[in-house]
Full PDB file with SEQRES, HELIX, SHEET, SSBOND, CRYST1, ORIGX, SCALE, CONECT and MASTER records, all heavy atoms in Angstrom:
SEQRES   1 A   36  GLU GLY GLY SER GLY GLN TYR VAL ALA SER GLY TYR SER          
SEQRES   2 A   36  VAL TYR GLU GLU GLU ASN GLU HIS LEU GLN GLU GLY LEU          
SEQRES   3 A   36  ARG ALA LYS VAL THR ALA LEU LYS SER LEU                      
HELIX    1 AA1 TYR A   12  SER A   35  1                                  24    
CRYST1    1.000    1.000    1.000  90.00  90.00  90.00 P 1           1          
ORIGX1      1.000000  0.000000  0.000000        0.00000                         
ORIGX2      0.000000  1.000000  0.000000        0.00000                         
ORIGX3      0.000000  0.000000  1.000000        0.00000                         
SCALE1      1.000000  0.000000  0.000000        0.00000                         
SCALE2      0.000000  1.000000  0.000000        0.00000                         
SCALE3      0.000000  0.000000  1.000000        0.00000                         
ATOM      1  N   GLU A   1      84.950 112.369 103.825  1.00  0.00           N  
ATOM      2  CA  GLU A   1      83.572 112.790 103.682  1.00  0.00           C  
ATOM      3  C   GLU A   1      83.400 114.302 103.616  1.00  0.00           C  
ATOM      4  O   GLU A   1      82.377 114.789 103.212  1.00  0.00           O  
ATOM      5  CB  GLU A   1      82.743 112.225 104.834  1.00  0.00           C  
ATOM      6  CG  GLU A   1      82.521 110.763 104.710  1.00  0.00           C  
ATOM      7  CD  GLU A   1      81.387 110.293 105.599  1.00  0.00           C  
ATOM      8  OE1 GLU A   1      80.655 111.111 106.154  1.00  0.00           O  
ATOM      9  OE2 GLU A   1      81.254 109.083 105.695  1.00  0.00           O  
ATOM     10  N   GLY A   2      84.358 115.012 103.999  1.00  0.00           N  
ATOM     11  CA  GLY A   2      84.211 116.455 104.043  1.00  0.00           C  
ATOM     12  C   GLY A   2      84.307 117.118 102.687  1.00  0.00           C  
ATOM     13  O   GLY A   2      84.126 118.305 102.563  1.00  0.00           O  
ATOM     14  N   GLY A   3      84.616 116.380 101.628  1.00  0.00           N  
ATOM     15  CA  GLY A   3      84.755 116.972 100.315  1.00  0.00           C  
ATOM     16  C   GLY A   3      86.091 117.627 100.127  1.00  0.00           C  
ATOM     17  O   GLY A   3      86.285 118.370  99.173  1.00  0.00           O  
ATOM     18  N   SER A   4      87.000 117.406 101.029  1.00  0.00           N  
ATOM     19  CA  SER A   4      88.300 118.053 100.934  1.00  0.00           C  
ATOM     20  C   SER A   4      89.183 117.416  99.870  1.00  0.00           C  
ATOM     21  O   SER A   4      90.149 118.016  99.453  1.00  0.00           O  
ATOM     22  CB  SER A   4      89.004 118.015 102.290  1.00  0.00           C  
ATOM     23  OG  SER A   4      89.277 116.680 102.656  1.00  0.00           O  
ATOM     24  N   GLY A   5      88.892 116.179  99.467  1.00  0.00           N  
ATOM     25  CA  GLY A   5      89.671 115.536  98.411  1.00  0.00           C  
ATOM     26  C   GLY A   5      90.894 114.819  98.906  1.00  0.00           C  
ATOM     27  O   GLY A   5      91.666 114.297  98.119  1.00  0.00           O  
ATOM     28  N   GLN A   6      91.121 114.803 100.166  1.00  0.00           N  
ATOM     29  CA  GLN A   6      92.285 114.100 100.701  1.00  0.00           C  
ATOM     30  C   GLN A   6      91.916 112.654 101.001  1.00  0.00           C  
ATOM     31  O   GLN A   6      90.800 112.348 101.406  1.00  0.00           O  
ATOM     32  CB  GLN A   6      92.758 114.787 101.983  1.00  0.00           C  
ATOM     33  CG  GLN A   6      93.252 116.183 101.732  1.00  0.00           C  
ATOM     34  CD  GLN A   6      93.664 116.842 103.042  1.00  0.00           C  
ATOM     35  OE1 GLN A   6      93.467 116.291 104.097  1.00  0.00           O  
ATOM     36  NE2 GLN A   6      94.238 118.029 102.925  1.00  0.00           N  
ATOM     37  N   TYR A   7      92.881 111.773 100.793  1.00  0.00           N  
ATOM     38  CA  TYR A   7      92.642 110.358 101.039  1.00  0.00           C  
ATOM     39  C   TYR A   7      92.702 110.061 102.519  1.00  0.00           C  
ATOM     40  O   TYR A   7      93.504 110.638 103.244  1.00  0.00           O  
ATOM     41  CB  TYR A   7      93.700 109.501 100.326  1.00  0.00           C  
ATOM     42  CG  TYR A   7      93.578 109.534  98.839  1.00  0.00           C  
ATOM     43  CD1 TYR A   7      94.531 110.182  98.067  1.00  0.00           C  
ATOM     44  CD2 TYR A   7      92.524 108.917  98.200  1.00  0.00           C  
ATOM     45  CE1 TYR A   7      94.413 110.231  96.706  1.00  0.00           C  
ATOM     46  CE2 TYR A   7      92.415 108.956  96.837  1.00  0.00           C  
ATOM     47  CZ  TYR A   7      93.353 109.617  96.087  1.00  0.00           C  
ATOM     48  OH  TYR A   7      93.229 109.660  94.740  1.00  0.00           O  
ATOM     49  N   VAL A   8      91.865 109.139 102.915  1.00  0.00           N  
ATOM     50  CA  VAL A   8      91.907 108.687 104.295  1.00  0.00           C  
ATOM     51  C   VAL A   8      93.012 107.649 104.377  1.00  0.00           C  
ATOM     52  O   VAL A   8      92.994 106.645 103.674  1.00  0.00           O  
ATOM     53  CB  VAL A   8      90.557 108.078 104.731  1.00  0.00           C  
ATOM     54  CG1 VAL A   8      90.649 107.534 106.140  1.00  0.00           C  
ATOM     55  CG2 VAL A   8      89.469 109.112 104.602  1.00  0.00           C  
ATOM     56  N   ALA A   9      94.004 107.859 105.183  1.00  0.00           N  
ATOM     57  CA  ALA A   9      95.192 107.015 105.234  1.00  0.00           C  
ATOM     58  C   ALA A   9      94.883 105.617 105.714  1.00  0.00           C  
ATOM     59  O   ALA A   9      95.525 104.661 105.298  1.00  0.00           O  
ATOM     60  CB  ALA A   9      96.247 107.667 106.132  1.00  0.00           C  
ATOM     61  N   SER A  10      93.926 105.455 106.559  1.00  0.00           N  
ATOM     62  CA  SER A  10      93.688 104.135 107.139  1.00  0.00           C  
ATOM     63  C   SER A  10      92.964 103.196 106.186  1.00  0.00           C  
ATOM     64  O   SER A  10      93.133 101.988 106.264  1.00  0.00           O  
ATOM     65  CB  SER A  10      92.888 104.276 108.433  1.00  0.00           C  
ATOM     66  OG  SER A  10      91.601 104.778 108.140  1.00  0.00           O  
ATOM     67  N   GLY A  11      92.185 103.655 105.271  1.00  0.00           N  
ATOM     68  CA  GLY A  11      91.369 102.780 104.419  1.00  0.00           C  
ATOM     69  C   GLY A  11      91.982 102.460 103.073  1.00  0.00           C  
ATOM     70  O   GLY A  11      92.215 101.313 102.739  1.00  0.00           O  
ATOM     71  N   TYR A  12      92.243 103.474 102.301  1.00  0.00           N  
ATOM     72  CA  TYR A  12      92.653 103.276 100.913  1.00  0.00           C  
ATOM     73  C   TYR A  12      94.013 102.616 100.788  1.00  0.00           C  
ATOM     74  O   TYR A  12      94.177 101.691 100.011  1.00  0.00           O  
ATOM     75  CB  TYR A  12      92.647 104.620 100.187  1.00  0.00           C  
ATOM     76  CG  TYR A  12      92.977 104.496  98.727  1.00  0.00           C  
ATOM     77  CD1 TYR A  12      92.042 103.985  97.835  1.00  0.00           C  
ATOM     78  CD2 TYR A  12      94.216 104.894  98.238  1.00  0.00           C  
ATOM     79  CE1 TYR A  12      92.333 103.875  96.497  1.00  0.00           C  
ATOM     80  CE2 TYR A  12      94.522 104.780  96.903  1.00  0.00           C  
ATOM     81  CZ  TYR A  12      93.579 104.271  96.022  1.00  0.00           C  
ATOM     82  OH  TYR A  12      93.874 104.152  94.707  1.00  0.00           O  
ATOM     83  N   SER A  13      94.986 103.055 101.511  1.00  0.00           N  
ATOM     84  CA  SER A  13      96.344 102.517 101.365  1.00  0.00           C  
ATOM     85  C   SER A  13      96.433 101.060 101.808  1.00  0.00           C  
ATOM     86  O   SER A  13      97.183 100.283 101.225  1.00  0.00           O  
ATOM     87  CB  SER A  13      97.341 103.374 102.138  1.00  0.00           C  
ATOM     88  OG  SER A  13      97.058 103.316 103.522  1.00  0.00           O  
ATOM     89  N   VAL A  14      95.657 100.670 102.801  1.00  0.00           N  
ATOM     90  CA  VAL A  14      95.674  99.264 103.242  1.00  0.00           C  
ATOM     91  C   VAL A  14      95.127  98.364 102.147  1.00  0.00           C  
ATOM     92  O   VAL A  14      95.705  97.327 101.826  1.00  0.00           O  
ATOM     93  CB  VAL A  14      94.866  99.097 104.557  1.00  0.00           C  
ATOM     94  CG1 VAL A  14      94.706  97.631 104.910  1.00  0.00           C  
ATOM     95  CG2 VAL A  14      95.535  99.865 105.679  1.00  0.00           C  
ATOM     96  N   TYR A  15      94.021  98.776 101.568  1.00  0.00           N  
ATOM     97  CA  TYR A  15      93.443  97.981 100.483  1.00  0.00           C  
ATOM     98  C   TYR A  15      94.345  97.953  99.255  1.00  0.00           C  
ATOM     99  O   TYR A  15      94.467  96.936  98.575  1.00  0.00           O  
ATOM    100  CB  TYR A  15      92.060  98.508 100.100  1.00  0.00           C  
ATOM    101  CG  TYR A  15      91.011  98.254 101.147  1.00  0.00           C  
ATOM    102  CD1 TYR A  15      90.186  99.282 101.588  1.00  0.00           C  
ATOM    103  CD2 TYR A  15      90.835  96.992 101.703  1.00  0.00           C  
ATOM    104  CE1 TYR A  15      89.216  99.061 102.541  1.00  0.00           C  
ATOM    105  CE2 TYR A  15      89.862  96.762 102.660  1.00  0.00           C  
ATOM    106  CZ  TYR A  15      89.064  97.790 103.083  1.00  0.00           C  
ATOM    107  OH  TYR A  15      88.122  97.566 104.021  1.00  0.00           O  
ATOM    108  N   GLU A  16      94.963  99.083  98.975  1.00  0.00           N  
ATOM    109  CA  GLU A  16      95.863  99.158  97.819  1.00  0.00           C  
ATOM    110  C   GLU A  16      97.065  98.234  98.011  1.00  0.00           C  
ATOM    111  O   GLU A  16      97.472  97.519  97.095  1.00  0.00           O  
ATOM    112  CB  GLU A  16      96.322 100.604  97.617  1.00  0.00           C  
ATOM    113  CG  GLU A  16      97.095 100.810  96.338  1.00  0.00           C  
ATOM    114  CD  GLU A  16      96.253 100.645  95.094  1.00  0.00           C  
ATOM    115  OE1 GLU A  16      95.036 100.862  95.137  1.00  0.00           O  
ATOM    116  OE2 GLU A  16      96.828 100.262  94.060  1.00  0.00           O  
ATOM    117  N   GLU A  17      97.642  98.231  99.193  1.00  0.00           N  
ATOM    118  CA  GLU A  17      98.776  97.350  99.466  1.00  0.00           C  
ATOM    119  C   GLU A  17      98.369  95.880  99.395  1.00  0.00           C  
ATOM    120  O   GLU A  17      99.094  95.040  98.857  1.00  0.00           O  
ATOM    121  CB  GLU A  17      99.364  97.657 100.847  1.00  0.00           C  
ATOM    122  CG  GLU A  17     100.141  98.946 100.899  1.00  0.00           C  
ATOM    123  CD  GLU A  17     100.627  99.245 102.305  1.00  0.00           C  
ATOM    124  OE1 GLU A  17     100.690  98.312 103.129  1.00  0.00           O  
ATOM    125  OE2 GLU A  17     100.966 100.410 102.562  1.00  0.00           O  
ATOM    126  N   GLU A  18      97.188  95.592  99.912  1.00  0.00           N  
ATOM    127  CA  GLU A  18      96.710  94.206  99.863  1.00  0.00           C  
ATOM    128  C   GLU A  18      96.463  93.774  98.423  1.00  0.00           C  
ATOM    129  O   GLU A  18      96.823  92.662  98.021  1.00  0.00           O  
ATOM    130  CB  GLU A  18      95.426  94.064 100.681  1.00  0.00           C  
ATOM    131  CG  GLU A  18      94.915  92.639 100.745  1.00  0.00           C  
ATOM    132  CD  GLU A  18      93.621  92.520 101.544  1.00  0.00           C  
ATOM    133  OE1 GLU A  18      93.163  93.526 102.129  1.00  0.00           O  
ATOM    134  OE2 GLU A  18      93.085  91.410 101.565  1.00  0.00           O  
ATOM    135  N   ASN A  19      95.881  94.662  97.618  1.00  0.00           N  
ATOM    136  CA  ASN A  19      95.646  94.348  96.205  1.00  0.00           C  
ATOM    137  C   ASN A  19      96.965  94.139  95.457  1.00  0.00           C  
ATOM    138  O   ASN A  19      97.070  93.229  94.627  1.00  0.00           O  
ATOM    139  CB  ASN A  19      94.840  95.460  95.539  1.00  0.00           C  
ATOM    140  CG  ASN A  19      93.366  95.353  95.846  1.00  0.00           C  
ATOM    141  OD1 ASN A  19      92.884  94.304  96.243  1.00  0.00           O  
ATOM    142  ND2 ASN A  19      92.658  96.452  95.673  1.00  0.00           N  
ATOM    143  N   GLU A  20      97.948  94.960  95.725  1.00  0.00           N  
ATOM    144  CA  GLU A  20      99.246  94.800  95.064  1.00  0.00           C  
ATOM    145  C   GLU A  20      99.913  93.491  95.471  1.00  0.00           C  
ATOM    146  O   GLU A  20     100.501  92.801  94.641  1.00  0.00           O  
ATOM    147  CB  GLU A  20     100.150  95.988  95.389  1.00  0.00           C  
ATOM    148  CG  GLU A  20      99.752  97.257  94.672  1.00  0.00           C  
ATOM    149  CD  GLU A  20     100.614  98.439  95.071  1.00  0.00           C  
ATOM    150  OE1 GLU A  20     101.598  98.243  95.822  1.00  0.00           O  
ATOM    151  OE2 GLU A  20     100.299  99.554  94.615  1.00  0.00           O  
ATOM    152  N   HIS A  21      99.798  93.146  96.739  1.00  0.00           N  
ATOM    153  CA  HIS A  21     100.367  91.876  97.228  1.00  0.00           C  
ATOM    154  C   HIS A  21      99.672  90.692  96.552  1.00  0.00           C  
ATOM    155  O   HIS A  21     100.330  89.756  96.078  1.00  0.00           O  
ATOM    156  CB  HIS A  21     100.228  91.795  98.744  1.00  0.00           C  
ATOM    157  CG  HIS A  21     100.706  90.498  99.317  1.00  0.00           C  
ATOM    158  ND1 HIS A  21     102.040  90.150  99.333  1.00  0.00           N  
ATOM    159  CD2 HIS A  21     100.044  89.468  99.884  1.00  0.00           C  
ATOM    160  CE1 HIS A  21     102.176  88.957  99.884  1.00  0.00           C  
ATOM    161  NE2 HIS A  21     100.968  88.521 100.236  1.00  0.00           N  
ATOM    162  N   LEU A  22      98.350  90.736  96.497  1.00  0.00           N  
ATOM    163  CA  LEU A  22      97.604  89.654  95.836  1.00  0.00           C  
ATOM    164  C   LEU A  22      97.898  89.606  94.342  1.00  0.00           C  
ATOM    165  O   LEU A  22      97.967  88.529  93.734  1.00  0.00           O  
ATOM    166  CB  LEU A  22      96.106  89.822  96.084  1.00  0.00           C  
ATOM    167  CG  LEU A  22      95.637  89.590  97.524  1.00  0.00           C  
ATOM    168  CD1 LEU A  22      94.166  89.957  97.672  1.00  0.00           C  
ATOM    169  CD2 LEU A  22      95.885  88.158  97.953  1.00  0.00           C  
ATOM    170  N   GLN A  23      98.078  90.771  93.743  1.00  0.00           N  
ATOM    171  CA  GLN A  23      98.400  90.843  92.317  1.00  0.00           C  
ATOM    172  C   GLN A  23      99.754  90.205  92.033  1.00  0.00           C  
ATOM    173  O   GLN A  23      99.906  89.468  91.055  1.00  0.00           O  
ATOM    174  CB  GLN A  23      98.394  92.299  91.865  1.00  0.00           C  
ATOM    175  CG  GLN A  23      98.587  92.488  90.393  1.00  0.00           C  
ATOM    176  CD  GLN A  23      98.568  93.961  90.000  1.00  0.00           C  
ATOM    177  OE1 GLN A  23      98.638  94.836  90.852  1.00  0.00           O  
ATOM    178  NE2 GLN A  23      98.470  94.215  88.711  1.00  0.00           N  
ATOM    179  N   GLU A  24     100.735  90.456  92.879  1.00  0.00           N  
ATOM    180  CA  GLU A  24     102.053  89.834  92.703  1.00  0.00           C  
ATOM    181  C   GLU A  24     101.971  88.314  92.863  1.00  0.00           C  
ATOM    182  O   GLU A  24     102.602  87.562  92.121  1.00  0.00           O  
ATOM    183  CB  GLU A  24     103.065  90.420  93.692  1.00  0.00           C  
ATOM    184  CG  GLU A  24     103.491  91.827  93.375  1.00  0.00           C  
ATOM    185  CD  GLU A  24     104.145  91.939  92.019  1.00  0.00           C  
ATOM    186  OE1 GLU A  24     104.948  91.066  91.644  1.00  0.00           O  
ATOM    187  OE2 GLU A  24     103.843  92.923  91.309  1.00  0.00           O  
ATOM    188  N   GLY A  25     101.184  87.851  93.837  1.00  0.00           N  
ATOM    189  CA  GLY A  25     100.996  86.410  94.010  1.00  0.00           C  
ATOM    190  C   GLY A  25     100.343  85.778  92.793  1.00  0.00           C  
ATOM    191  O   GLY A  25     100.744  84.698  92.342  1.00  0.00           O  
ATOM    192  N   LEU A  26      99.334  86.451  92.272  1.00  0.00           N  
ATOM    193  CA  LEU A  26      98.651  85.951  91.084  1.00  0.00           C  
ATOM    194  C   LEU A  26      99.580  85.957  89.872  1.00  0.00           C  
ATOM    195  O   LEU A  26      99.589  85.013  89.079  1.00  0.00           O  
ATOM    196  CB  LEU A  26      97.408  86.808  90.812  1.00  0.00           C  
ATOM    197  CG  LEU A  26      96.484  86.346  89.699  1.00  0.00           C  
ATOM    198  CD1 LEU A  26      95.939  84.967  90.005  1.00  0.00           C  
ATOM    199  CD2 LEU A  26      95.345  87.338  89.531  1.00  0.00           C  
ATOM    200  N   ARG A  27     100.387  87.002  89.739  1.00  0.00           N  
ATOM    201  CA  ARG A  27     101.341  87.092  88.630  1.00  0.00           C  
ATOM    202  C   ARG A  27     102.343  85.928  88.696  1.00  0.00           C  
ATOM    203  O   ARG A  27     102.673  85.327  87.679  1.00  0.00           O  
ATOM    204  CB  ARG A  27     102.064  88.428  88.655  1.00  0.00           C  
ATOM    205  CG  ARG A  27     103.013  88.607  87.471  1.00  0.00           C  
ATOM    206  CD  ARG A  27     103.651  89.983  87.427  1.00  0.00           C  
ATOM    207  NE  ARG A  27     102.639  90.980  87.117  1.00  0.00           N  
ATOM    208  CZ  ARG A  27     102.396  92.067  87.847  1.00  0.00           C  
ATOM    209  NH1 ARG A  27     103.085  92.302  88.941  1.00  0.00           N  
ATOM    210  NH2 ARG A  27     101.474  92.923  87.485  1.00  0.00           N  
ATOM    211  N   ALA A  28     102.815  85.605  89.901  1.00  0.00           N  
ATOM    212  CA  ALA A  28     103.757  84.493  90.054  1.00  0.00           C  
ATOM    213  C   ALA A  28     103.104  83.168  89.683  1.00  0.00           C  
ATOM    214  O   ALA A  28     103.723  82.315  89.022  1.00  0.00           O  
ATOM    215  CB  ALA A  28     104.276  84.441  91.496  1.00  0.00           C  
ATOM    216  N   LYS A  29     101.844  82.993  90.065  1.00  0.00           N  
ATOM    217  CA  LYS A  29     101.138  81.753  89.734  1.00  0.00           C  
ATOM    218  C   LYS A  29     100.908  81.632  88.232  1.00  0.00           C  
ATOM    219  O   LYS A  29     101.054  80.556  87.652  1.00  0.00           O  
ATOM    220  CB  LYS A  29      99.814  81.668  90.484  1.00  0.00           C  
ATOM    221  CG  LYS A  29      99.981  81.425  91.961  1.00  0.00           C  
ATOM    222  CD  LYS A  29      98.649  81.411  92.680  1.00  0.00           C  
ATOM    223  CE  LYS A  29      98.848  81.239  94.174  1.00  0.00           C  
ATOM    224  NZ  LYS A  29      97.579  81.255  94.905  1.00  0.00           N  
ATOM    225  N   VAL A  30     100.547  82.731  87.601  1.00  0.00           N  
ATOM    226  CA  VAL A  30     100.334  82.720  86.146  1.00  0.00           C  
ATOM    227  C   VAL A  30     101.638  82.412  85.421  1.00  0.00           C  
ATOM    228  O   VAL A  30     101.662  81.645  84.456  1.00  0.00           O  
ATOM    229  CB  VAL A  30      99.725  84.065  85.677  1.00  0.00           C  
ATOM    230  CG1 VAL A  30      99.784  84.199  84.171  1.00  0.00           C  
ATOM    231  CG2 VAL A  30      98.300  84.193  86.166  1.00  0.00           C  
ATOM    232  N   THR A  31     102.733  82.976  85.884  1.00  0.00           N  
ATOM    233  CA  THR A  31     104.041  82.702  85.276  1.00  0.00           C  
ATOM    234  C   THR A  31     104.409  81.238  85.427  1.00  0.00           C  
ATOM    235  O   THR A  31     104.905  80.609  84.484  1.00  0.00           O  
ATOM    236  CB  THR A  31     105.124  83.589  85.923  1.00  0.00           C  
ATOM    237  OG1 THR A  31     104.747  84.955  85.773  1.00  0.00           O  
ATOM    238  CG2 THR A  31     106.468  83.369  85.271  1.00  0.00           C  
ATOM    239  N   ALA A  32     104.140  80.667  86.610  1.00  0.00           N  
ATOM    240  CA  ALA A  32     104.438  79.248  86.830  1.00  0.00           C  
ATOM    241  C   ALA A  32     103.576  78.374  85.925  1.00  0.00           C  
ATOM    242  O   ALA A  32     104.061  77.390  85.341  1.00  0.00           O  
ATOM    243  CB  ALA A  32     104.216  78.889  88.292  1.00  0.00           C  
ATOM    244  N   LEU A  33     102.289  78.708  85.783  1.00  0.00           N  
ATOM    245  CA  LEU A  33     101.405  77.940  84.900  1.00  0.00           C  
ATOM    246  C   LEU A  33     101.828  78.049  83.443  1.00  0.00           C  
ATOM    247  O   LEU A  33     101.768  77.065  82.693  1.00  0.00           O  
ATOM    248  CB  LEU A  33      99.961  78.403  85.061  1.00  0.00           C  
ATOM    249  CG  LEU A  33      99.240  77.920  86.315  1.00  0.00           C  
ATOM    250  CD1 LEU A  33      97.874  78.574  86.419  1.00  0.00           C  
ATOM    251  CD2 LEU A  33      99.103  76.412  86.303  1.00  0.00           C  
ATOM    252  N   LYS A  34     102.251  79.225  83.042  1.00  0.00           N  
ATOM    253  CA  LYS A  34     102.715  79.412  81.661  1.00  0.00           C  
ATOM    254  C   LYS A  34     103.942  78.557  81.395  1.00  0.00           C  
ATOM    255  O   LYS A  34     104.028  77.865  80.371  1.00  0.00           O  
ATOM    256  CB  LYS A  34     103.041  80.884  81.406  1.00  0.00           C  
ATOM    257  CG  LYS A  34     103.532  81.150  80.006  1.00  0.00           C  
ATOM    258  CD  LYS A  34     103.868  82.620  79.817  1.00  0.00           C  
ATOM    259  CE  LYS A  34     104.432  82.872  78.436  1.00  0.00           C  
ATOM    260  NZ  LYS A  34     104.841  84.267  78.273  1.00  0.00           N  
ATOM    261  N   SER A  35     104.885  78.563  82.324  1.00  0.00           N  
ATOM    262  CA  SER A  35     106.089  77.752  82.174  1.00  0.00           C  
ATOM    263  C   SER A  35     105.747  76.265  82.129  1.00  0.00           C  
ATOM    264  O   SER A  35     106.282  75.516  81.312  1.00  0.00           O  
ATOM    265  CB  SER A  35     107.040  78.041  83.332  1.00  0.00           C  
ATOM    266  OG  SER A  35     108.131  77.169  83.304  1.00  0.00           O  
ATOM    267  N   LEU A  36     104.825  75.848  82.996  1.00  0.00           N  
ATOM    268  CA  LEU A  36     104.417  74.446  83.033  1.00  0.00           C  
ATOM    269  C   LEU A  36     103.731  74.034  81.730  1.00  0.00           C  
ATOM    270  O   LEU A  36     104.006  72.957  81.193  1.00  0.00           O  
ATOM    271  CB  LEU A  36     103.486  74.213  84.223  1.00  0.00           C  
ATOM    272  CG  LEU A  36     103.024  72.790  84.451  1.00  0.00           C  
ATOM    273  CD1 LEU A  36     104.212  71.887  84.764  1.00  0.00           C  
ATOM    274  CD2 LEU A  36     102.012  72.749  85.580  1.00  0.00           C  
TER     275      LEU A  36                                                      
MASTER        0    0    0    1    0    0    0    6  274    1    0    3          
END                                                                             
């Protein structure tokens, strides 16, 4: 909030890691559906 431009370590990285994890799960499901 200070306008310093630095990322808050507790918020952004947790969401980013969760999104990447969910993205990998979705990618695996799509690959399985394509193969099926």
